């Protein structure tokens, strides 16, 4: 029901899509609290 509600109202997760090559950079940003959204790795770049 919650997914249906979100879809009906255009609600989605706020993410930052990154290439697999940027994983270390993303980890460093997490360590320094410089992250606004969740990171999602684009698996097509693996």
PDB file of N, CA and C in Angstrom:
ATOM      1  N   UNK A   1       0.809  -1.190   0.000  1.00  0.00           N
ATOM      2  CA  UNK A   1       0.000   0.000   0.000  1.00  0.00           C
ATOM      3  C   UNK A   1       0.861   1.267   0.000  1.00  0.00           C
ATOM      4  N   UNK A   2       1.943   1.230   0.759  1.00  0.00           N
ATOM      5  CA  UNK A   2       2.799   2.414   0.837  1.00  0.00           C
ATOM      6  C   UNK A   2       3.449   2.703  -0.515  1.00  0.00           C
ATOM      7  N   UNK A   3       3.902   1.662  -1.212  1.00  0.00           N
ATOM      8  CA  UNK A   3       4.510   1.877  -2.527  1.00  0.00           C
ATOM      9  C   UNK A   3       3.491   2.419  -3.518  1.00  0.00           C
ATOM     10  N   UNK A   4       2.276   1.929  -3.448  1.00  0.00           N
ATOM     11  CA  UNK A   4       1.214   2.443  -4.319  1.00  0.00           C
ATOM     12  C   UNK A   4       0.946   3.920  -4.030  1.00  0.00           C
ATOM     13  N   UNK A   5       0.902   4.281  -2.752  1.00  0.00           N
ATOM     14  CA  UNK A   5       0.675   5.670  -2.359  1.00  0.00           C
ATOM     15  C   UNK A   5       1.789   6.566  -2.901  1.00  0.00           C
ATOM     16  N   UNK A   6       3.031   6.128  -2.715  1.00  0.00           N
ATOM     17  CA  UNK A   6       4.170   6.924  -3.194  1.00  0.00           C
ATOM     18  C   UNK A   6       4.129   7.084  -4.708  1.00  0.00           C
ATOM     19  N   UNK A   7       3.822   6.011  -5.414  1.00  0.00           N
ATOM     20  CA  UNK A   7       3.748   6.079  -6.872  1.00  0.00           C
ATOM     21  C   UNK A   7       2.637   7.019  -7.319  1.00  0.00           C
ATOM     22  N   UNK A   8       1.513   6.975  -6.649  1.00  0.00           N
ATOM     23  CA  UNK A   8       0.373   7.814  -7.018  1.00  0.00           C
ATOM     24  C   UNK A   8       0.634   9.293  -6.766  1.00  0.00           C
ATOM     25  N   UNK A   9       1.520   9.595  -5.823  1.00  0.00           N
ATOM     26  CA  UNK A   9       1.782  10.981  -5.457  1.00  0.00           C
ATOM     27  C   UNK A   9       3.166  11.474  -5.880  1.00  0.00           C
ATOM     28  N   UNK A  10       3.864  10.694  -6.698  1.00  0.00           N
ATOM     29  CA  UNK A  10       5.163  11.118  -7.209  1.00  0.00           C
ATOM     30  C   UNK A  10       6.242  11.225  -6.147  1.00  0.00           C
ATOM     31  N   UNK A  11       6.141  10.422  -5.107  1.00  0.00           N
ATOM     32  CA  UNK A  11       7.124  10.448  -4.025  1.00  0.00           C
ATOM     33  C   UNK A  11       8.191   9.403  -4.317  1.00  0.00           C
ATOM     34  N   UNK A  12       9.444   9.805  -4.257  1.00  0.00           N
ATOM     35  CA  UNK A  12      10.542   8.883  -4.495  1.00  0.00           C
ATOM     36  C   UNK A  12      11.711   9.186  -3.583  1.00  0.00           C
ATOM     37  N   UNK A  13      12.655   8.295  -3.565  1.00  0.00           N
ATOM     38  CA  UNK A  13      13.841   8.465  -2.730  1.00  0.00           C
ATOM     39  C   UNK A  13      14.778   9.496  -3.359  1.00  0.00           C
ATOM     40  N   UNK A  14      15.427  10.271  -2.516  1.00  0.00           N
ATOM     41  CA  UNK A  14      16.432  11.215  -2.997  1.00  0.00           C
ATOM     42  C   UNK A  14      17.778  10.523  -2.893  1.00  0.00           C
ATOM     43  N   UNK A  15      18.384  10.288  -4.056  1.00  0.00           N
ATOM     44  CA  UNK A  15      19.636   9.534  -4.113  1.00  0.00           C
ATOM     45  C   UNK A  15      20.664  10.292  -4.926  1.00  0.00           C
ATOM     46  N   UNK A  16      21.904   9.861  -4.796  1.00  0.00           N
ATOM     47  CA  UNK A  16      22.970  10.330  -5.672  1.00  0.00           C
ATOM     48  C   UNK A  16      23.515   9.094  -6.371  1.00  0.00           C
ATOM     49  N   UNK A  17      23.290   9.001  -7.670  1.00  0.00           N
ATOM     50  CA  UNK A  17      23.740   7.864  -8.466  1.00  0.00           C
ATOM     51  C   UNK A  17      25.213   8.051  -8.794  1.00  0.00           C
ATOM     52  N   UNK A  18      26.025   7.043  -8.463  1.00  0.00           N
ATOM     53  CA  UNK A  18      27.463   7.144  -8.713  1.00  0.00           C
ATOM     54  C   UNK A  18      27.934   5.955  -9.534  1.00  0.00           C
ATOM     55  N   UNK A  19      29.012   6.175 -10.281  1.00  0.00           N
ATOM     56  CA  UNK A  19      29.664   5.088 -11.001  1.00  0.00           C
ATOM     57  C   UNK A  19      30.440   4.234 -10.003  1.00  0.00           C
ATOM     58  N   UNK A  20      30.654   2.977 -10.352  1.00  0.00           N
ATOM     59  CA  UNK A  20      31.398   2.073  -9.475  1.00  0.00           C
ATOM     60  C   UNK A  20      32.801   2.609  -9.197  1.00  0.00           C
ATOM     61  N   UNK A  21      33.365   3.337 -10.134  1.00  0.00           N
ATOM     62  CA  UNK A  21      34.719   3.871  -9.952  1.00  0.00           C
ATOM     63  C   UNK A  21      34.783   4.963  -8.889  1.00  0.00           C
ATOM     64  N   UNK A  22      33.632   5.481  -8.451  1.00  0.00           N
ATOM     65  CA  UNK A  22      33.603   6.561  -7.456  1.00  0.00           C
ATOM     66  C   UNK A  22      33.259   6.071  -6.050  1.00  0.00           C
ATOM     67  N   UNK A  23      33.307   4.752  -5.835  1.00  0.00           N
ATOM     68  CA  UNK A  23      32.942   4.206  -4.528  1.00  0.00           C
ATOM     69  C   UNK A  23      33.857   4.732  -3.432  1.00  0.00           C
ATOM     70  N   UNK A  24      35.146   4.782  -3.680  1.00  0.00           N
ATOM     71  CA  UNK A  24      36.077   5.269  -2.654  1.00  0.00           C
ATOM     72  C   UNK A  24      35.805   6.727  -2.315  1.00  0.00           C
ATOM     73  N   UNK A  25      35.523   7.531  -3.320  1.00  0.00           N
ATOM     74  CA  UNK A  25      35.182   8.940  -3.089  1.00  0.00           C
ATOM     75  C   UNK A  25      33.907   9.050  -2.253  1.00  0.00           C
ATOM     76  N   UNK A  26      32.922   8.226  -2.566  1.00  0.00           N
ATOM     77  CA  UNK A  26      31.667   8.246  -1.810  1.00  0.00           C
ATOM     78  C   UNK A  26      31.912   7.855  -0.358  1.00  0.00           C
ATOM     79  N   UNK A  27      32.750   6.864  -0.137  1.00  0.00           N
ATOM     80  CA  UNK A  27      33.061   6.434   1.231  1.00  0.00           C
ATOM     81  C   UNK A  27      33.740   7.559   2.009  1.00  0.00           C
ATOM     82  N   UNK A  28      34.673   8.244   1.361  1.00  0.00           N
ATOM     83  CA  UNK A  28      35.349   9.372   2.014  1.00  0.00           C
ATOM     84  C   UNK A  28      34.353  10.472   2.368  1.00  0.00           C
ATOM     85  N   UNK A  29      33.395  10.710   1.500  1.00  0.00           N
ATOM     86  CA  UNK A  29      32.374  11.725   1.784  1.00  0.00           C
ATOM     87  C   UNK A  29      31.496  11.320   2.959  1.00  0.00           C
ATOM     88  N   UNK A  30      31.192  10.042   3.070  1.00  0.00           N
ATOM     89  CA  UNK A  30      30.422   9.560   4.224  1.00  0.00           C
ATOM     90  C   UNK A  30      31.224   9.790   5.501  1.00  0.00           C
ATOM     91  N   UNK A  31      32.512   9.476   5.455  1.00  0.00           N
ATOM     92  CA  UNK A  31      33.375   9.649   6.625  1.00  0.00           C
ATOM     93  C   UNK A  31      33.456  11.107   7.065  1.00  0.00           C
ATOM     94  N   UNK A  32      33.413  12.034   6.109  1.00  0.00           N
ATOM     95  CA  UNK A  32      33.533  13.455   6.443  1.00  0.00           C
ATOM     96  C   UNK A  32      32.168  14.139   6.591  1.00  0.00           C
ATOM     97  N   UNK A  33      31.105  13.350   6.631  1.00  0.00           N
ATOM     98  CA  UNK A  33      29.725  13.857   6.789  1.00  0.00           C
ATOM     99  C   UNK A  33      29.334  14.843   5.692  1.00  0.00           C
ATOM    100  N   UNK A  34      29.807  14.592   4.470  1.00  0.00           N
ATOM    101  CA  UNK A  34      29.512  15.451   3.327  1.00  0.00           C
ATOM    102  C   UNK A  34      28.523  14.761   2.384  1.00  0.00           C
ATOM    103  N   UNK A  35      27.473  14.187   2.950  1.00  0.00           N
ATOM    104  CA  UNK A  35      26.509  13.440   2.145  1.00  0.00           C
ATOM    105  C   UNK A  35      25.121  14.016   2.374  1.00  0.00           C
ATOM    106  N   UNK A  36      24.474  14.394   1.292  1.00  0.00           N
ATOM    107  CA  UNK A  36      23.119  14.927   1.407  1.00  0.00           C
ATOM    108  C   UNK A  36      22.072  13.847   1.140  1.00  0.00           C
ATOM    109  N   UNK A  37      22.363  12.945   0.215  1.00  0.00           N
ATOM    110  CA  UNK A  37      21.426  11.893  -0.171  1.00  0.00           C
ATOM    111  C   UNK A  37      22.076  10.533   0.032  1.00  0.00           C
ATOM    112  N   UNK A  38      21.332   9.494  -0.240  1.00  0.00           N
ATOM    113  CA  UNK A  38      21.882   8.138  -0.218  1.00  0.00           C
ATOM    114  C   UNK A  38      22.644   7.908  -1.518  1.00  0.00           C
ATOM    115  N   UNK A  39      23.723   7.161  -1.434  1.00  0.00           N
ATOM    116  CA  UNK A  39      24.454   6.784  -2.634  1.00  0.00           C
ATOM    117  C   UNK A  39      23.863   5.496  -3.194  1.00  0.00           C
ATOM    118  N   UNK A  40      23.741   5.450  -4.513  1.00  0.00           N
ATOM    119  CA  UNK A  40      23.332   4.239  -5.213  1.00  0.00           C
ATOM    120  C   UNK A  40      24.349   4.019  -6.314  1.00  0.00           C
ATOM    121  N   UNK A  41      24.924   2.820  -6.349  1.00  0.00           N
ATOM    122  CA  UNK A  41      25.944   2.504  -7.352  1.00  0.00           C
ATOM    123  C   UNK A  41      25.256   2.050  -8.632  1.00  0.00           C
ATOM    124  N   UNK A  42      25.621   2.687  -9.737  1.00  0.00           N
ATOM    125  CA  UNK A  42      25.112   2.309 -11.053  1.00  0.00           C
ATOM    126  C   UNK A  42      25.817   1.018 -11.460  1.00  0.00           C
ATOM    127  N   UNK A  43      25.118  -0.107 -11.370  1.00  0.00           N
ATOM    128  CA  UNK A  43      25.751  -1.399 -11.624  1.00  0.00           C
ATOM    129  C   UNK A  43      26.141  -1.599 -13.086  1.00  0.00           C
ATOM    130  N   UNK A  44      25.654  -0.766 -13.982  1.00  0.00           N
ATOM    131  CA  UNK A  44      26.061  -0.893 -15.385  1.00  0.00           C
ATOM    132  C   UNK A  44      27.490  -0.409 -15.586  1.00  0.00           C
ATOM    133  N   UNK A  45      28.090   0.216 -14.558  1.00  0.00           N
ATOM    134  CA  UNK A  45      29.463   0.719 -14.674  1.00  0.00           C
ATOM    135  C   UNK A  45      30.480  -0.232 -14.050  1.00  0.00           C
ATOM    136  N   UNK A  46      30.016  -1.400 -13.610  1.00  0.00           N
ATOM    137  CA  UNK A  46      30.932  -2.374 -12.985  1.00  0.00           C
ATOM    138  C   UNK A  46      31.667  -3.134 -14.058  1.00  0.00           C
TER     139      UNK A  46
END
